[in-house]
Amino acid sequence: MYVVMVYDVAVDRVAKALKIGRKYLTWVQNSVLEGELSPAQFAQLKAELRRALEESDSVRFYILREGSFRVEVLGTSKNEPSQFI
């Protein structure tokens, strides 16, 4: 599956989120990483982030598979979009 990770975390945890994310994904710009992951790798990434971050932080994963798309959120969902363009 192809995963795009976008994070909005407190300043003191930005480096942690980036370090964990870079173990699994490629850093493409500030607060955005992406890459191909197996389901096991994706589960490991989420588990590491849950341990390092706080509930007030927000991490969104955009998961693309053949013919499907879904969004998962860790932490606080800042604002749910009403529609995608």
N, C-alpha and C. Protein backbone atom coordinates (compact mmCIF):
# COMPACT_ATOMS: atom_id res chain seq x y z
N MET A 1 0.84 -1.16 0.00
CA MET A 1 0.00 0.00 0.00
C MET A 1 0.89 1.24 0.00
N TYR A 2 0.40 2.32 -0.61
CA TYR A 2 1.14 3.56 -0.64
C TYR A 2 0.55 4.47 0.43
N VAL A 3 1.42 5.02 1.29
CA VAL A 3 0.98 5.81 2.44
C VAL A 3 1.59 7.20 2.39
N VAL A 4 0.75 8.21 2.60
CA VAL A 4 1.20 9.58 2.79
C VAL A 4 0.90 9.93 4.24
N MET A 5 1.93 10.34 4.98
CA MET A 5 1.78 10.71 6.39
C MET A 5 1.96 12.22 6.52
N VAL A 6 0.99 12.86 7.16
CA VAL A 6 1.03 14.31 7.39
C VAL A 6 0.84 14.52 8.88
N TYR A 7 1.72 15.28 9.51
CA TYR A 7 1.60 15.45 10.95
C TYR A 7 1.59 16.91 11.37
N ASP A 8 0.85 17.16 12.45
CA ASP A 8 0.75 18.46 13.09
C ASP A 8 0.90 18.19 14.58
N VAL A 9 2.11 18.36 15.08
CA VAL A 9 2.40 18.02 16.48
C VAL A 9 3.05 19.21 17.17
N ALA A 10 3.07 19.17 18.49
CA ALA A 10 3.70 20.24 19.27
C ALA A 10 5.18 20.34 18.90
N VAL A 11 5.71 21.54 19.00
CA VAL A 11 7.09 21.83 18.59
C VAL A 11 8.09 20.88 19.23
N ASP A 12 7.91 20.55 20.50
CA ASP A 12 8.88 19.69 21.18
C ASP A 12 8.82 18.23 20.72
N ARG A 13 7.82 17.87 19.91
CA ARG A 13 7.73 16.49 19.42
C ARG A 13 7.88 16.38 17.90
N VAL A 14 8.14 17.48 17.22
CA VAL A 14 8.29 17.45 15.76
C VAL A 14 9.45 16.55 15.35
N ALA A 15 10.58 16.69 16.02
CA ALA A 15 11.76 15.88 15.68
C ALA A 15 11.48 14.40 15.89
N LYS A 16 10.74 14.05 16.95
CA LYS A 16 10.39 12.64 17.20
C LYS A 16 9.52 12.09 16.07
N ALA A 17 8.50 12.86 15.69
CA ALA A 17 7.59 12.41 14.63
C ALA A 17 8.36 12.20 13.33
N LEU A 18 9.24 13.13 12.99
CA LEU A 18 10.03 13.01 11.77
C LEU A 18 10.96 11.81 11.83
N LYS A 19 11.64 11.63 12.95
CA LYS A 19 12.58 10.51 13.09
C LYS A 19 11.87 9.16 12.94
N ILE A 20 10.74 9.02 13.58
CA ILE A 20 9.97 7.77 13.47
C ILE A 20 9.48 7.58 12.04
N GLY A 21 8.91 8.62 11.46
CA GLY A 21 8.39 8.52 10.10
C GLY A 21 9.46 8.16 9.09
N ARG A 22 10.67 8.70 9.25
CA ARG A 22 11.75 8.44 8.28
C ARG A 22 12.28 7.01 8.35
N LYS A 23 11.96 6.28 9.42
CA LYS A 23 12.33 4.86 9.48
C LYS A 23 11.57 4.05 8.43
N TYR A 24 10.38 4.54 8.08
CA TYR A 24 9.48 3.78 7.22
C TYR A 24 9.18 4.46 5.88
N LEU A 25 9.23 5.79 5.85
CA LEU A 25 8.79 6.55 4.69
C LEU A 25 9.87 7.55 4.26
N THR A 26 9.67 8.17 3.12
CA THR A 26 10.59 9.17 2.60
C THR A 26 10.05 10.56 2.92
N TRP A 27 10.89 11.39 3.51
CA TRP A 27 10.52 12.76 3.83
C TRP A 27 10.48 13.57 2.55
N VAL A 28 9.35 14.18 2.21
CA VAL A 28 9.22 14.91 0.95
C VAL A 28 9.09 16.42 1.15
N GLN A 29 8.60 16.88 2.29
CA GLN A 29 8.59 18.30 2.63
C GLN A 29 8.20 18.41 4.09
N ASN A 30 8.21 19.63 4.63
CA ASN A 30 7.91 19.80 6.05
C ASN A 30 6.62 19.08 6.43
N SER A 31 6.72 18.22 7.43
CA SER A 31 5.58 17.50 8.00
C SER A 31 4.88 16.54 7.05
N VAL A 32 5.54 16.14 5.95
CA VAL A 32 4.94 15.21 5.00
C VAL A 32 5.95 14.13 4.62
N LEU A 33 5.53 12.88 4.75
CA LEU A 33 6.34 11.74 4.34
C LEU A 33 5.47 10.83 3.50
N GLU A 34 6.09 10.04 2.63
CA GLU A 34 5.31 9.11 1.81
C GLU A 34 6.15 7.93 1.39
N GLY A 35 5.47 6.86 1.02
CA GLY A 35 6.16 5.68 0.53
C GLY A 35 5.31 4.43 0.58
N GLU A 36 5.88 3.36 0.06
CA GLU A 36 5.22 2.05 0.00
C GLU A 36 5.50 1.31 1.30
N LEU A 37 4.43 0.78 1.93
CA LEU A 37 4.57 0.02 3.17
C LEU A 37 3.76 -1.27 3.09
N SER A 38 4.25 -2.28 3.78
CA SER A 38 3.45 -3.49 3.98
C SER A 38 2.48 -3.21 5.13
N PRO A 39 1.43 -4.01 5.27
CA PRO A 39 0.53 -3.82 6.42
C PRO A 39 1.26 -3.92 7.76
N ALA A 40 2.24 -4.80 7.87
CA ALA A 40 3.00 -4.94 9.12
C ALA A 40 3.83 -3.68 9.41
N GLN A 41 4.47 -3.13 8.39
CA GLN A 41 5.24 -1.91 8.57
C GLN A 41 4.34 -0.75 8.98
N PHE A 42 3.17 -0.67 8.36
CA PHE A 42 2.23 0.39 8.70
C PHE A 42 1.79 0.27 10.16
N ALA A 43 1.52 -0.94 10.61
CA ALA A 43 1.13 -1.17 12.00
C ALA A 43 2.27 -0.77 12.95
N GLN A 44 3.50 -1.09 12.60
CA GLN A 44 4.66 -0.72 13.43
C GLN A 44 4.81 0.79 13.50
N LEU A 45 4.67 1.47 12.37
CA LEU A 45 4.77 2.93 12.32
C LEU A 45 3.74 3.57 13.25
N LYS A 46 2.50 3.13 13.16
CA LYS A 46 1.45 3.69 14.00
C LYS A 46 1.72 3.41 15.48
N ALA A 47 2.19 2.22 15.81
CA ALA A 47 2.48 1.88 17.21
C ALA A 47 3.59 2.77 17.77
N GLU A 48 4.64 2.99 17.00
CA GLU A 48 5.73 3.86 17.46
C GLU A 48 5.25 5.29 17.66
N LEU A 49 4.45 5.78 16.74
CA LEU A 49 3.94 7.14 16.86
C LEU A 49 3.01 7.28 18.08
N ARG A 50 2.18 6.29 18.34
CA ARG A 50 1.28 6.33 19.50
C ARG A 50 2.07 6.46 20.80
N ARG A 51 3.21 5.76 20.88
CA ARG A 51 4.04 5.81 22.09
C ARG A 51 4.74 7.17 22.24
N ALA A 52 5.08 7.81 21.14
CA ALA A 52 5.89 9.03 21.19
C ALA A 52 5.08 10.32 21.26
N LEU A 53 3.85 10.29 20.78
CA LEU A 53 3.07 11.51 20.67
C LEU A 53 1.98 11.58 21.74
N GLU A 54 1.36 12.75 21.84
CA GLU A 54 0.29 12.95 22.81
C GLU A 54 -1.04 13.07 22.09
N GLU A 55 -2.11 12.94 22.84
CA GLU A 55 -3.46 12.96 22.26
C GLU A 55 -3.77 14.27 21.54
N SER A 56 -3.17 15.37 21.97
CA SER A 56 -3.40 16.67 21.32
C SER A 56 -2.72 16.80 19.96
N ASP A 57 -1.76 15.91 19.67
CA ASP A 57 -1.09 15.89 18.38
C ASP A 57 -2.00 15.25 17.34
N SER A 58 -1.69 15.50 16.07
CA SER A 58 -2.51 14.93 15.00
C SER A 58 -1.61 14.39 13.89
N VAL A 59 -1.86 13.15 13.52
CA VAL A 59 -1.16 12.52 12.40
C VAL A 59 -2.23 11.93 11.49
N ARG A 60 -2.20 12.29 10.22
CA ARG A 60 -3.15 11.77 9.23
C ARG A 60 -2.39 10.89 8.26
N PHE A 61 -2.97 9.75 7.95
CA PHE A 61 -2.42 8.83 6.96
C PHE A 61 -3.41 8.73 5.81
N TYR A 62 -2.94 8.97 4.62
CA TYR A 62 -3.73 8.78 3.41
C TYR A 62 -3.22 7.49 2.78
N ILE A 63 -4.07 6.48 2.76
CA ILE A 63 -3.67 5.14 2.33
C ILE A 63 -4.28 4.85 0.97
N LEU A 64 -3.42 4.56 0.01
CA LEU A 64 -3.86 4.28 -1.35
C LEU A 64 -3.49 2.84 -1.70
N ARG A 65 -4.50 2.10 -2.11
CA ARG A 65 -4.30 0.74 -2.63
C ARG A 65 -4.93 0.70 -3.99
N GLU A 66 -4.73 -0.39 -4.68
CA GLU A 66 -5.33 -0.52 -6.00
C GLU A 66 -6.84 -0.34 -5.89
N GLY A 67 -7.34 0.72 -6.50
CA GLY A 67 -8.78 0.95 -6.55
C GLY A 67 -9.42 1.45 -5.28
N SER A 68 -8.64 1.76 -4.22
CA SER A 68 -9.27 2.27 -3.00
C SER A 68 -8.40 3.33 -2.34
N PHE A 69 -9.05 4.12 -1.48
CA PHE A 69 -8.42 5.21 -0.78
C PHE A 69 -9.09 5.33 0.58
N ARG A 70 -8.29 5.53 1.63
CA ARG A 70 -8.89 5.78 2.94
C ARG A 70 -7.97 6.68 3.76
N VAL A 71 -8.53 7.28 4.80
CA VAL A 71 -7.79 8.17 5.69
C VAL A 71 -7.89 7.61 7.10
N GLU A 72 -6.75 7.58 7.80
CA GLU A 72 -6.73 7.20 9.22
C GLU A 72 -6.12 8.36 9.98
N VAL A 73 -6.61 8.60 11.19
CA VAL A 73 -6.11 9.69 12.02
C VAL A 73 -5.66 9.13 13.36
N LEU A 74 -4.44 9.53 13.79
CA LEU A 74 -3.96 9.26 15.14
C LEU A 74 -4.04 10.56 15.91
N GLY A 75 -4.50 10.52 17.13
CA GLY A 75 -4.58 11.73 17.93
C GLY A 75 -5.84 12.51 17.60
N THR A 76 -5.71 13.83 17.66
CA THR A 76 -6.84 14.72 17.47
C THR A 76 -7.07 15.01 16.00
N SER A 77 -8.31 14.91 15.58
CA SER A 77 -8.67 15.29 14.21
C SER A 77 -8.99 16.77 14.24
N LYS A 78 -8.16 17.57 13.58
CA LYS A 78 -8.29 19.03 13.66
C LYS A 78 -9.55 19.55 12.98
N ASN A 79 -9.84 19.06 11.79
CA ASN A 79 -11.01 19.51 11.05
C ASN A 79 -11.27 18.52 9.94
N GLU A 80 -12.40 17.89 9.96
CA GLU A 80 -12.73 16.92 8.93
C GLU A 80 -13.23 17.63 7.67
N PRO A 81 -12.63 17.32 6.53
CA PRO A 81 -13.13 17.93 5.28
C PRO A 81 -14.50 17.39 4.94
N SER A 82 -15.33 18.24 4.36
CA SER A 82 -16.67 17.81 4.00
C SER A 82 -16.69 17.09 2.66
N GLN A 83 -15.69 17.37 1.82
CA GLN A 83 -15.61 16.69 0.54
C GLN A 83 -14.21 16.83 -0.04
N PHE A 84 -13.87 15.93 -0.92
CA PHE A 84 -12.60 15.97 -1.62
C PHE A 84 -12.86 16.44 -3.04
N ILE A 85 -11.96 17.21 -3.56
CA ILE A 85 -12.09 17.68 -4.94
C ILE A 85 -11.16 16.88 -5.81
